[in-house]
N, C-alpha and C. Protein backbone atom coordinates (compact mmCIF):
# COMPACT_ATOMS: atom_id res chain seq x y z
N UNK A 1 -22.22 -24.19 -8.24
CA UNK A 1 -21.26 -25.14 -7.96
C UNK A 1 -20.43 -25.42 -9.19
N UNK A 2 -19.14 -25.43 -8.88
CA UNK A 2 -18.22 -25.66 -9.86
C UNK A 2 -18.17 -27.19 -10.30
N UNK A 3 -18.47 -27.44 -11.59
CA UNK A 3 -18.37 -28.83 -12.07
C UNK A 3 -16.93 -29.44 -12.18
N UNK A 4 -16.82 -30.68 -11.69
CA UNK A 4 -15.38 -31.30 -11.76
C UNK A 4 -14.80 -31.29 -13.31
N UNK A 5 -13.69 -31.03 -13.39
CA UNK A 5 -13.03 -30.87 -14.79
C UNK A 5 -12.30 -32.04 -15.01
N UNK A 6 -12.02 -32.23 -16.32
CA UNK A 6 -11.18 -33.52 -16.75
C UNK A 6 -9.72 -33.08 -16.28
N UNK A 7 -9.02 -34.00 -15.99
CA UNK A 7 -7.78 -34.04 -15.28
C UNK A 7 -6.64 -33.66 -16.41
N UNK A 8 -6.08 -32.53 -16.12
CA UNK A 8 -4.90 -32.11 -17.13
C UNK A 8 -3.64 -32.00 -16.40
N UNK A 9 -2.62 -32.79 -16.87
CA UNK A 9 -1.45 -32.86 -16.15
C UNK A 9 -0.71 -31.63 -15.73
N UNK A 10 -0.30 -31.59 -14.34
CA UNK A 10 0.38 -30.37 -13.86
C UNK A 10 -0.52 -29.32 -13.34
N UNK A 11 -1.98 -29.74 -13.25
CA UNK A 11 -3.01 -28.54 -13.07
C UNK A 11 -3.75 -29.11 -11.86
N UNK A 12 -4.10 -28.26 -10.99
CA UNK A 12 -4.96 -28.53 -9.92
C UNK A 12 -6.41 -28.63 -10.39
N UNK A 13 -7.03 -29.72 -10.13
CA UNK A 13 -8.34 -29.90 -10.63
C UNK A 13 -9.44 -29.62 -9.47
N UNK A 14 -10.50 -29.08 -9.62
CA UNK A 14 -11.63 -28.77 -8.69
C UNK A 14 -12.43 -30.01 -8.67
N UNK A 15 -12.49 -30.62 -7.62
CA UNK A 15 -13.36 -31.83 -7.37
C UNK A 15 -14.78 -31.38 -7.10
N UNK A 16 -14.98 -30.50 -6.11
CA UNK A 16 -16.16 -29.83 -5.68
C UNK A 16 -15.96 -28.42 -5.13
N UNK A 17 -17.17 -27.67 -5.06
CA UNK A 17 -17.12 -26.28 -4.63
C UNK A 17 -18.24 -25.98 -3.82
N UNK A 18 -18.09 -25.34 -2.81
CA UNK A 18 -19.26 -24.95 -1.84
C UNK A 18 -19.05 -23.48 -1.44
N UNK A 19 -20.11 -22.76 -1.53
CA UNK A 19 -20.13 -21.43 -0.92
C UNK A 19 -20.33 -21.43 0.63
N UNK A 20 -19.48 -20.79 1.42
CA UNK A 20 -19.61 -20.89 2.90
C UNK A 20 -19.99 -19.58 3.44
N UNK A 21 -19.92 -18.56 2.66
CA UNK A 21 -20.23 -17.25 3.27
C UNK A 21 -20.51 -16.27 2.04
N UNK A 22 -21.49 -15.25 2.28
CA UNK A 22 -21.72 -14.39 1.12
C UNK A 22 -22.25 -12.95 2.04
N UNK A 23 -21.91 -11.82 1.46
CA UNK A 23 -22.40 -10.58 1.92
C UNK A 23 -22.45 -9.80 0.65
N UNK A 24 -22.93 -8.54 0.78
CA UNK A 24 -22.94 -7.66 -0.37
C UNK A 24 -21.64 -7.33 -1.00
N UNK A 25 -20.53 -7.40 -0.59
CA UNK A 25 -19.18 -7.09 -1.08
C UNK A 25 -18.39 -8.52 -1.50
N UNK A 26 -18.71 -9.66 -1.13
CA UNK A 26 -17.87 -10.81 -1.39
C UNK A 26 -18.50 -11.99 -1.02
N UNK A 27 -17.90 -13.15 -1.60
CA UNK A 27 -18.47 -14.46 -1.20
C UNK A 27 -17.07 -15.28 -0.75
N UNK A 28 -17.34 -16.22 -0.19
CA UNK A 28 -16.11 -17.07 0.26
C UNK A 28 -16.57 -18.50 -0.02
N UNK A 29 -15.86 -19.25 -0.93
CA UNK A 29 -16.13 -20.67 -1.14
C UNK A 29 -14.83 -21.60 -0.89
N UNK A 30 -15.20 -22.83 -0.44
CA UNK A 30 -14.31 -23.71 -0.17
C UNK A 30 -14.38 -24.89 -1.28
N UNK A 31 -13.00 -25.15 -1.91
CA UNK A 31 -13.05 -26.00 -2.98
C UNK A 31 -12.33 -27.21 -2.47
N UNK A 32 -12.80 -28.38 -2.78
CA UNK A 32 -12.07 -29.54 -2.74
C UNK A 32 -11.19 -29.78 -4.10
N UNK A 33 -9.72 -29.81 -3.87
CA UNK A 33 -9.07 -29.85 -5.16
C UNK A 33 -8.41 -31.27 -5.15
N UNK A 34 -7.91 -31.53 -6.38
CA UNK A 34 -6.98 -32.62 -6.76
C UNK A 34 -5.80 -32.10 -7.30
N UNK A 35 -4.61 -32.43 -6.54
CA UNK A 35 -3.47 -32.00 -7.09
C UNK A 35 -2.76 -32.88 -8.23
N UNK A 36 -1.82 -32.38 -8.82
CA UNK A 36 -1.22 -33.24 -10.09
C UNK A 36 -0.80 -34.78 -9.62
N UNK A 37 -0.43 -34.72 -8.18
CA UNK A 37 -0.17 -36.23 -7.73
C UNK A 37 -1.05 -37.08 -7.36
N UNK A 38 -2.30 -36.52 -7.41
CA UNK A 38 -3.58 -37.21 -6.94
C UNK A 38 -4.11 -37.01 -5.63
N UNK A 39 -3.36 -36.31 -4.94
CA UNK A 39 -3.60 -36.14 -3.45
C UNK A 39 -4.68 -34.97 -3.40
N UNK A 40 -5.49 -34.85 -2.45
CA UNK A 40 -6.55 -34.02 -2.22
C UNK A 40 -6.41 -33.01 -1.24
N UNK A 41 -6.97 -31.86 -1.27
CA UNK A 41 -6.97 -30.84 -0.33
C UNK A 41 -7.96 -29.84 -0.46
N UNK A 42 -8.04 -28.82 0.40
CA UNK A 42 -8.99 -27.79 0.48
C UNK A 42 -8.44 -26.36 0.14
N UNK A 43 -8.98 -25.72 -0.84
CA UNK A 43 -8.56 -24.34 -1.17
C UNK A 43 -9.76 -23.38 -0.95
N UNK A 44 -9.51 -22.48 -0.22
CA UNK A 44 -10.45 -21.34 0.15
C UNK A 44 -10.21 -20.08 -0.93
N UNK A 45 -11.38 -19.77 -1.49
CA UNK A 45 -11.26 -18.64 -2.53
C UNK A 45 -12.28 -17.50 -2.16
N UNK A 46 -11.84 -16.29 -2.25
CA UNK A 46 -12.52 -15.10 -2.05
C UNK A 46 -13.06 -14.52 -3.49
N UNK A 47 -14.18 -14.55 -3.61
CA UNK A 47 -14.79 -13.92 -4.74
C UNK A 47 -15.21 -12.52 -4.66
N UNK A 48 -14.59 -11.58 -5.41
CA UNK A 48 -15.03 -10.35 -5.17
C UNK A 48 -15.00 -9.77 -6.53
N UNK A 49 -15.76 -8.65 -6.91
CA UNK A 49 -15.83 -8.00 -8.03
C UNK A 49 -14.40 -7.38 -8.36
N UNK A 50 -14.26 -7.23 -9.73
CA UNK A 50 -12.99 -6.54 -10.13
C UNK A 50 -13.16 -5.07 -10.03
N UNK A 51 -12.05 -4.24 -9.93
CA UNK A 51 -12.32 -2.81 -9.64
C UNK A 51 -11.11 -2.03 -10.50
N UNK A 52 -11.33 -0.83 -10.38
CA UNK A 52 -10.60 0.12 -11.37
C UNK A 52 -9.65 1.03 -10.22
N UNK A 53 -8.52 1.21 -10.73
CA UNK A 53 -7.64 2.27 -9.95
C UNK A 53 -7.44 3.51 -10.96
N UNK A 54 -7.49 4.61 -10.34
CA UNK A 54 -7.41 5.90 -11.32
C UNK A 54 -6.23 6.57 -10.79
N UNK A 55 -5.35 7.05 -11.71
CA UNK A 55 -4.36 7.92 -11.54
C UNK A 55 -4.83 9.25 -12.21
N UNK A 56 -5.33 10.03 -11.32
CA UNK A 56 -5.76 11.35 -11.88
C UNK A 56 -4.60 12.30 -11.87
N UNK A 57 -3.84 12.61 -13.04
CA UNK A 57 -2.62 13.47 -12.97
C UNK A 57 -2.96 14.79 -13.57
N UNK A 58 -2.19 15.69 -13.03
CA UNK A 58 -2.14 17.20 -13.52
C UNK A 58 -1.08 17.80 -12.87
N UNK A 59 -0.39 18.85 -13.50
CA UNK A 59 0.54 19.77 -12.90
C UNK A 59 1.78 18.97 -12.29
N UNK A 60 2.21 17.94 -12.90
CA UNK A 60 3.29 17.07 -12.21
C UNK A 60 3.00 16.23 -11.09
N UNK A 61 1.73 16.03 -10.65
CA UNK A 61 1.34 15.33 -9.66
C UNK A 61 0.15 14.65 -9.65
N UNK A 62 -0.59 14.12 -8.57
CA UNK A 62 -1.60 13.10 -8.78
C UNK A 62 -2.74 13.58 -7.51
N UNK A 63 -3.85 13.22 -7.82
CA UNK A 63 -5.00 13.45 -6.88
C UNK A 63 -4.95 12.08 -6.13
N UNK A 64 -4.84 12.12 -4.67
CA UNK A 64 -5.05 10.95 -3.75
C UNK A 64 -6.28 11.19 -2.81
N UNK A 65 -6.68 10.07 -2.42
CA UNK A 65 -7.72 9.86 -1.30
C UNK A 65 -7.11 9.26 -0.07
N UNK A 66 -7.81 9.48 1.10
CA UNK A 66 -7.23 8.87 2.27
C UNK A 66 -8.44 8.63 3.07
N UNK A 67 -8.56 7.34 3.64
CA UNK A 67 -9.68 7.03 4.48
C UNK A 67 -9.25 5.89 5.48
N UNK A 68 -9.92 5.77 6.39
CA UNK A 68 -9.62 4.77 7.51
C UNK A 68 -9.94 3.50 6.92
N UNK A 69 -9.06 2.56 6.93
CA UNK A 69 -9.24 1.23 6.61
C UNK A 69 -9.40 0.10 7.67
N UNK A 70 -10.57 -0.18 8.08
CA UNK A 70 -10.79 -1.00 9.25
C UNK A 70 -9.90 -2.42 9.41
N UNK A 71 -9.73 -3.16 8.33
CA UNK A 71 -8.88 -4.17 8.54
C UNK A 71 -7.45 -3.95 9.11
N UNK A 72 -6.83 -2.90 8.85
CA UNK A 72 -5.51 -2.62 9.18
C UNK A 72 -5.46 -1.43 10.25
N UNK A 73 -6.56 -0.99 10.65
CA UNK A 73 -6.89 -0.07 11.74
C UNK A 73 -5.76 1.15 11.61
N UNK A 74 -5.96 1.81 10.26
CA UNK A 74 -5.16 2.97 10.08
C UNK A 74 -5.63 3.73 8.74
N UNK A 75 -5.23 4.76 8.68
CA UNK A 75 -5.35 5.72 7.59
C UNK A 75 -4.21 5.77 6.60
N UNK A 76 -4.58 5.55 5.42
CA UNK A 76 -3.52 5.65 4.32
C UNK A 76 -3.91 6.26 3.11
N UNK A 77 -3.03 6.91 2.34
CA UNK A 77 -3.42 7.63 1.06
C UNK A 77 -3.24 6.48 0.00
N UNK A 78 -4.07 6.78 -1.10
CA UNK A 78 -4.10 5.83 -2.26
C UNK A 78 -4.71 6.66 -3.43
N UNK A 79 -4.54 6.04 -4.57
CA UNK A 79 -5.35 6.53 -5.81
C UNK A 79 -6.77 6.12 -5.56
N UNK A 80 -7.62 7.04 -6.00
CA UNK A 80 -9.10 6.57 -6.04
C UNK A 80 -9.16 5.27 -6.75
N UNK A 81 -10.24 4.33 -6.10
CA UNK A 81 -10.49 3.03 -6.65
C UNK A 81 -11.60 2.54 -6.04
N UNK A 82 -12.14 1.49 -6.70
CA UNK A 82 -13.34 1.02 -6.29
C UNK A 82 -13.94 -0.07 -7.37
N UNK A 83 -15.19 -0.64 -6.84
CA UNK A 83 -15.78 -1.57 -7.76
C UNK A 83 -17.19 -1.18 -7.93
N UNK A 84 -17.98 -1.74 -8.75
CA UNK A 84 -19.50 -1.43 -8.75
C UNK A 84 -20.04 -1.93 -7.50
N UNK A 85 -21.10 -1.25 -7.09
CA UNK A 85 -21.99 -1.73 -6.03
C UNK A 85 -22.69 -3.07 -6.56
N UNK A 86 -23.14 -3.79 -5.85
CA UNK A 86 -23.94 -4.95 -6.18
C UNK A 86 -25.07 -4.59 -7.08
N UNK A 87 -25.12 -5.26 -7.96
CA UNK A 87 -26.33 -5.07 -9.03
C UNK A 87 -26.02 -4.08 -10.07
N UNK A 88 -24.85 -3.48 -10.16
CA UNK A 88 -24.59 -2.55 -11.16
C UNK A 88 -23.26 -3.22 -12.00
N UNK A 89 -23.28 -2.86 -13.16
CA UNK A 89 -22.19 -3.42 -13.98
C UNK A 89 -21.81 -2.42 -15.05
N UNK A 90 -20.65 -2.55 -15.75
CA UNK A 90 -20.07 -1.72 -16.70
C UNK A 90 -18.62 -2.02 -17.11
N UNK A 91 -18.14 -1.21 -18.07
CA UNK A 91 -16.76 -1.55 -18.34
C UNK A 91 -16.01 -0.94 -17.34
N UNK A 92 -14.64 -1.42 -17.47
CA UNK A 92 -13.71 -0.94 -16.48
C UNK A 92 -13.52 0.65 -16.58
N UNK A 93 -13.67 1.21 -17.72
CA UNK A 93 -13.45 2.65 -17.84
C UNK A 93 -14.66 3.35 -17.23
N UNK A 94 -15.89 2.76 -17.48
CA UNK A 94 -17.06 3.26 -16.95
C UNK A 94 -16.91 3.23 -15.23
N UNK A 95 -16.42 2.32 -14.80
CA UNK A 95 -16.16 2.06 -13.39
C UNK A 95 -15.09 3.14 -12.87
N UNK A 96 -14.07 3.28 -13.58
CA UNK A 96 -12.90 4.18 -13.23
C UNK A 96 -13.54 5.71 -13.24
N UNK A 97 -14.43 5.96 -14.33
CA UNK A 97 -15.00 7.39 -14.30
C UNK A 97 -15.75 7.59 -13.05
N UNK A 98 -16.68 6.70 -12.79
CA UNK A 98 -17.67 6.75 -11.75
C UNK A 98 -16.79 6.83 -10.28
N UNK A 99 -15.81 6.01 -10.26
CA UNK A 99 -14.99 6.24 -8.96
C UNK A 99 -14.19 7.47 -8.68
N UNK A 100 -13.58 8.04 -9.82
CA UNK A 100 -13.09 9.24 -9.64
C UNK A 100 -13.98 10.18 -9.36
N UNK A 101 -15.07 10.44 -9.94
CA UNK A 101 -16.10 11.55 -9.75
C UNK A 101 -16.56 11.25 -8.31
N UNK A 102 -17.00 10.03 -7.89
CA UNK A 102 -17.61 9.91 -6.63
C UNK A 102 -16.53 10.32 -5.45
N UNK A 103 -15.41 9.72 -5.50
CA UNK A 103 -14.37 10.04 -4.51
C UNK A 103 -13.78 11.32 -4.36
N UNK A 104 -13.54 12.00 -5.69
CA UNK A 104 -13.04 13.33 -5.63
C UNK A 104 -13.64 14.44 -6.19
N UNK A 105 -14.90 14.11 -6.99
CA UNK A 105 -15.49 15.24 -7.78
C UNK A 105 -14.96 15.45 -9.03
N UNK A 106 -13.60 14.94 -9.31
CA UNK A 106 -12.96 15.23 -10.53
C UNK A 106 -13.35 14.38 -11.63
N UNK A 107 -13.57 15.02 -12.81
CA UNK A 107 -13.75 14.17 -14.00
C UNK A 107 -12.74 14.58 -15.03
N UNK A 108 -12.55 13.60 -16.00
CA UNK A 108 -11.37 13.77 -16.98
C UNK A 108 -11.80 13.76 -18.27
N UNK A 109 -10.99 14.39 -19.10
CA UNK A 109 -11.34 14.58 -20.64
C UNK A 109 -10.62 13.22 -21.36
N UNK A 110 -9.57 12.63 -20.83
CA UNK A 110 -8.87 11.85 -21.39
C UNK A 110 -8.64 10.62 -20.54
N UNK A 111 -8.92 9.26 -20.97
CA UNK A 111 -8.61 8.20 -20.16
C UNK A 111 -7.78 7.15 -21.00
N UNK A 112 -6.62 6.90 -20.22
CA UNK A 112 -5.81 5.73 -20.93
C UNK A 112 -5.58 4.67 -19.96
N UNK A 113 -6.00 3.37 -20.52
CA UNK A 113 -5.71 2.18 -19.79
C UNK A 113 -4.33 2.00 -19.68
N UNK A 114 -3.95 1.68 -18.52
CA UNK A 114 -2.39 1.44 -18.26
C UNK A 114 -2.11 -0.21 -18.19
N UNK A 115 -3.04 -0.97 -17.80
CA UNK A 115 -2.91 -2.34 -17.65
C UNK A 115 -3.94 -3.05 -16.55
N UNK A 116 -3.84 -4.32 -16.54
CA UNK A 116 -4.73 -4.99 -15.57
C UNK A 116 -3.92 -6.01 -14.93
N UNK A 117 -4.20 -5.99 -13.53
CA UNK A 117 -3.28 -7.01 -12.67
C UNK A 117 -4.26 -7.67 -11.72
N UNK A 118 -3.84 -8.71 -11.21
CA UNK A 118 -4.51 -9.42 -10.17
C UNK A 118 -4.09 -8.75 -8.78
N UNK A 119 -4.99 -8.50 -7.99
CA UNK A 119 -4.90 -7.99 -6.57
C UNK A 119 -4.51 -8.93 -5.54
N UNK A 120 -4.89 -10.19 -5.54
CA UNK A 120 -4.65 -11.04 -4.52
C UNK A 120 -4.74 -12.48 -5.11
N UNK A 121 -3.84 -12.70 -6.01
CA UNK A 121 -4.20 -13.96 -6.92
C UNK A 121 -3.96 -15.37 -6.08
N UNK A 122 -3.42 -15.33 -4.88
CA UNK A 122 -3.26 -16.33 -4.11
C UNK A 122 -4.54 -17.04 -3.34
N UNK A 123 -5.45 -15.94 -3.36
CA UNK A 123 -6.63 -16.19 -2.65
C UNK A 123 -7.99 -15.82 -3.50
N UNK A 124 -7.74 -15.12 -4.56
CA UNK A 124 -8.83 -14.49 -5.32
C UNK A 124 -8.53 -14.31 -6.86
N UNK A 125 -9.66 -14.50 -7.44
CA UNK A 125 -9.52 -14.04 -9.05
C UNK A 125 -9.62 -12.61 -9.30
N UNK A 126 -9.84 -11.83 -8.28
CA UNK A 126 -10.19 -10.30 -8.45
C UNK A 126 -8.94 -9.69 -8.98
N UNK A 127 -9.45 -8.75 -10.00
CA UNK A 127 -8.27 -8.05 -10.80
C UNK A 127 -8.75 -6.67 -10.71
N UNK A 128 -7.74 -5.71 -11.15
CA UNK A 128 -8.03 -4.34 -11.18
C UNK A 128 -7.36 -3.86 -12.51
N UNK A 129 -8.00 -2.90 -13.02
CA UNK A 129 -7.52 -2.08 -14.25
C UNK A 129 -7.08 -0.74 -13.84
N UNK A 130 -5.90 -0.34 -14.20
CA UNK A 130 -5.30 0.83 -13.92
C UNK A 130 -5.63 1.92 -15.08
N UNK A 131 -5.98 3.03 -14.81
CA UNK A 131 -6.20 4.18 -15.85
C UNK A 131 -5.41 5.43 -15.35
N UNK A 132 -4.89 6.11 -16.49
CA UNK A 132 -4.35 7.49 -16.33
C UNK A 132 -5.50 8.28 -16.73
N UNK A 133 -6.00 9.28 -15.86
CA UNK A 133 -6.88 10.16 -16.25
C UNK A 133 -6.34 11.60 -16.27
N UNK A 134 -6.51 12.29 -17.43
CA UNK A 134 -5.98 13.61 -17.62
C UNK A 134 -7.01 14.51 -18.15
N UNK A 135 -6.74 15.89 -18.27
CA UNK A 135 -7.60 16.97 -18.81
C UNK A 135 -8.73 16.90 -17.70
N UNK A 136 -8.28 17.36 -16.46
CA UNK A 136 -9.07 17.27 -15.28
C UNK A 136 -9.97 18.44 -15.04
N UNK A 137 -11.14 18.23 -14.53
CA UNK A 137 -12.23 19.44 -14.13
C UNK A 137 -12.56 18.93 -12.77
N UNK A 138 -12.81 20.05 -11.88
CA UNK A 138 -13.25 19.85 -10.53
C UNK A 138 -14.77 19.87 -10.42
N UNK A 139 -15.19 19.10 -9.49
CA UNK A 139 -16.56 19.06 -9.17
C UNK A 139 -16.76 18.75 -7.62
N UNK A 140 -17.87 18.24 -7.38
CA UNK A 140 -18.17 17.94 -5.95
C UNK A 140 -18.26 16.45 -5.75
N UNK A 141 -17.58 15.87 -4.81
CA UNK A 141 -17.70 14.43 -4.62
C UNK A 141 -18.90 14.07 -4.43
N UNK A 142 -19.23 12.77 -4.57
CA UNK A 142 -20.51 12.15 -4.26
C UNK A 142 -20.31 10.83 -3.57
N UNK A 143 -19.67 10.68 -2.49
CA UNK A 143 -19.12 9.71 -1.79
C UNK A 143 -20.19 8.71 -1.17
N UNK A 144 -19.95 7.43 -1.08
CA UNK A 144 -20.83 6.54 -0.62
C UNK A 144 -20.81 6.69 1.01
N UNK A 145 -21.75 6.17 1.63
CA UNK A 145 -21.85 6.28 3.15
C UNK A 145 -20.70 5.94 3.72
N UNK A 146 -20.19 4.72 3.37
CA UNK A 146 -18.85 4.17 3.93
C UNK A 146 -17.71 5.03 3.66
N UNK A 147 -17.73 5.98 2.87
CA UNK A 147 -16.57 6.90 2.59
C UNK A 147 -16.67 8.29 3.10
N UNK A 148 -17.54 8.41 4.25
CA UNK A 148 -17.72 9.71 4.79
C UNK A 148 -16.64 10.37 5.33
N UNK A 149 -15.53 9.57 5.86
CA UNK A 149 -14.48 10.09 6.39
C UNK A 149 -13.24 10.37 5.38
N UNK A 150 -13.51 10.13 4.23
CA UNK A 150 -12.45 10.11 3.15
C UNK A 150 -11.91 11.66 2.95
N UNK A 151 -10.62 11.78 2.80
CA UNK A 151 -10.04 13.08 2.53
C UNK A 151 -9.45 12.94 1.15
N UNK A 152 -9.13 14.19 0.53
CA UNK A 152 -8.48 14.04 -0.85
C UNK A 152 -7.49 15.24 -0.76
N UNK A 153 -6.54 15.03 -1.58
CA UNK A 153 -5.56 16.01 -1.95
C UNK A 153 -4.71 15.94 -3.11
N UNK A 154 -4.03 16.97 -3.61
CA UNK A 154 -3.12 16.73 -4.77
C UNK A 154 -1.79 16.61 -4.10
N UNK A 155 -0.92 15.82 -4.77
CA UNK A 155 0.56 15.72 -4.20
C UNK A 155 1.39 15.62 -5.45
N UNK A 156 2.59 16.34 -5.37
CA UNK A 156 3.43 16.26 -6.42
C UNK A 156 3.89 14.93 -6.67
N UNK A 157 4.59 14.68 -7.89
CA UNK A 157 5.14 13.27 -7.99
C UNK A 157 6.27 12.97 -6.96
N UNK A 158 7.18 13.99 -6.75
CA UNK A 158 8.21 13.69 -5.61
C UNK A 158 7.78 13.40 -4.35
N UNK A 159 6.62 14.06 -3.99
CA UNK A 159 5.97 13.86 -2.62
C UNK A 159 5.29 12.48 -2.71
N UNK A 160 4.79 12.15 -3.81
CA UNK A 160 4.06 10.71 -3.85
C UNK A 160 5.09 9.65 -3.53
N UNK A 161 6.23 9.89 -4.36
CA UNK A 161 7.24 8.80 -4.18
C UNK A 161 7.70 8.82 -2.77
N UNK A 162 7.84 10.04 -2.15
CA UNK A 162 8.38 9.94 -0.68
C UNK A 162 7.29 9.45 0.33
N UNK A 163 5.98 9.63 -0.06
CA UNK A 163 4.89 8.86 0.75
C UNK A 163 4.96 7.43 0.69
N UNK A 164 5.31 6.75 -0.55
CA UNK A 164 5.68 5.26 -0.55
C UNK A 164 6.76 4.97 0.36
N UNK A 165 7.89 5.81 0.16
CA UNK A 165 8.99 5.43 1.05
C UNK A 165 8.75 5.51 2.67
N UNK A 166 8.00 6.45 2.95
CA UNK A 166 7.80 6.69 4.44
C UNK A 166 6.52 5.94 4.99
N UNK A 167 5.88 5.21 4.19
CA UNK A 167 4.82 4.30 4.57
C UNK A 167 3.43 5.12 4.59
N UNK A 168 3.33 6.41 4.14
CA UNK A 168 1.93 7.04 4.11
C UNK A 168 1.28 6.42 3.13
N UNK A 169 1.74 5.75 1.91
CA UNK A 169 1.15 5.03 1.00
C UNK A 169 1.48 3.57 0.98
N UNK A 170 0.58 2.64 1.34
CA UNK A 170 0.88 1.10 1.59
C UNK A 170 0.08 0.27 0.84
N UNK A 171 -0.89 0.84 0.13
CA UNK A 171 -1.76 0.10 -0.90
C UNK A 171 -1.07 -0.42 -2.17
N UNK A 172 -1.12 -1.75 -2.15
CA UNK A 172 -0.40 -2.32 -3.39
C UNK A 172 -0.86 -1.99 -4.49
N UNK A 173 -2.18 -1.99 -4.92
CA UNK A 173 -2.85 -1.48 -5.92
C UNK A 173 -2.36 -0.06 -6.44
N UNK A 174 -2.18 0.79 -5.51
CA UNK A 174 -1.66 2.10 -5.80
C UNK A 174 -0.21 2.09 -6.39
N UNK A 175 0.46 1.46 -5.72
CA UNK A 175 1.88 1.33 -6.04
C UNK A 175 1.95 0.51 -7.37
N UNK A 176 1.43 -0.44 -7.67
CA UNK A 176 1.40 -1.27 -8.95
C UNK A 176 0.81 -0.44 -9.96
N UNK A 177 -0.15 0.38 -9.84
CA UNK A 177 -0.75 1.24 -10.91
C UNK A 177 0.47 2.28 -11.21
N UNK A 178 1.08 2.74 -10.28
CA UNK A 178 2.11 3.80 -10.45
C UNK A 178 3.32 3.28 -11.36
N UNK A 179 3.59 1.88 -11.03
CA UNK A 179 4.69 1.15 -11.80
C UNK A 179 4.22 1.05 -13.30
N UNK A 180 2.76 0.80 -13.42
CA UNK A 180 2.19 0.66 -14.67
C UNK A 180 2.33 2.10 -15.56
N UNK A 181 2.19 3.12 -14.83
CA UNK A 181 2.23 4.54 -15.35
C UNK A 181 3.81 4.72 -15.75
N UNK A 182 4.69 4.36 -14.88
CA UNK A 182 6.01 4.43 -15.28
C UNK A 182 6.44 3.81 -16.60
N UNK A 183 6.00 2.58 -16.68
CA UNK A 183 6.29 1.65 -17.92
C UNK A 183 5.58 2.47 -19.05
N UNK A 184 4.36 3.02 -18.92
CA UNK A 184 3.81 3.59 -19.98
C UNK A 184 4.50 4.86 -20.42
N UNK A 185 5.04 5.73 -19.40
CA UNK A 185 5.68 6.88 -19.80
C UNK A 185 7.12 6.59 -20.59
N UNK A 186 7.68 5.34 -20.19
CA UNK A 186 8.79 4.93 -20.88
C UNK A 186 8.57 4.40 -22.28
N UNK A 187 7.38 4.17 -22.67
CA UNK A 187 7.20 3.60 -23.86
C UNK A 187 7.30 2.18 -23.99
């Protein structure tokens, strides 16, 4: 349980916190908060582990994965990404290496961190770190059971951008990671 904090002007203060749900992938807590004007309310927070997003780049394009996403009832393309399973931990780069190999079978000789962003900061503190992976070698994917329907393919940069425009890519983490790559390339 979160302990009540000293009142700081202009900051929402947590009065109490209670976990209301937990499964192996997330927990949901309900916090009673006090706003700067002294009024109280409830804030729901989803706690999930941080994740990594990997831009595996070669030959002017990227390796993507596609899988069925149950909450949105559709299949969309995205950069390989994920979090450590419950009970495992490591650095963001170790996570990125593991996710790329697991989902695509690809390994990389060079890893460049591009930045970290919050994925859903209005309801969760979960963040992701984006990496550029280069010097790629092919291998065999080692997908988790939940990823059994996953597909993968390489697309050119022009095709990638068209996929964003036509809605084949709708994952915000993928688009944000691509923007971090563009900023990295511009120096």
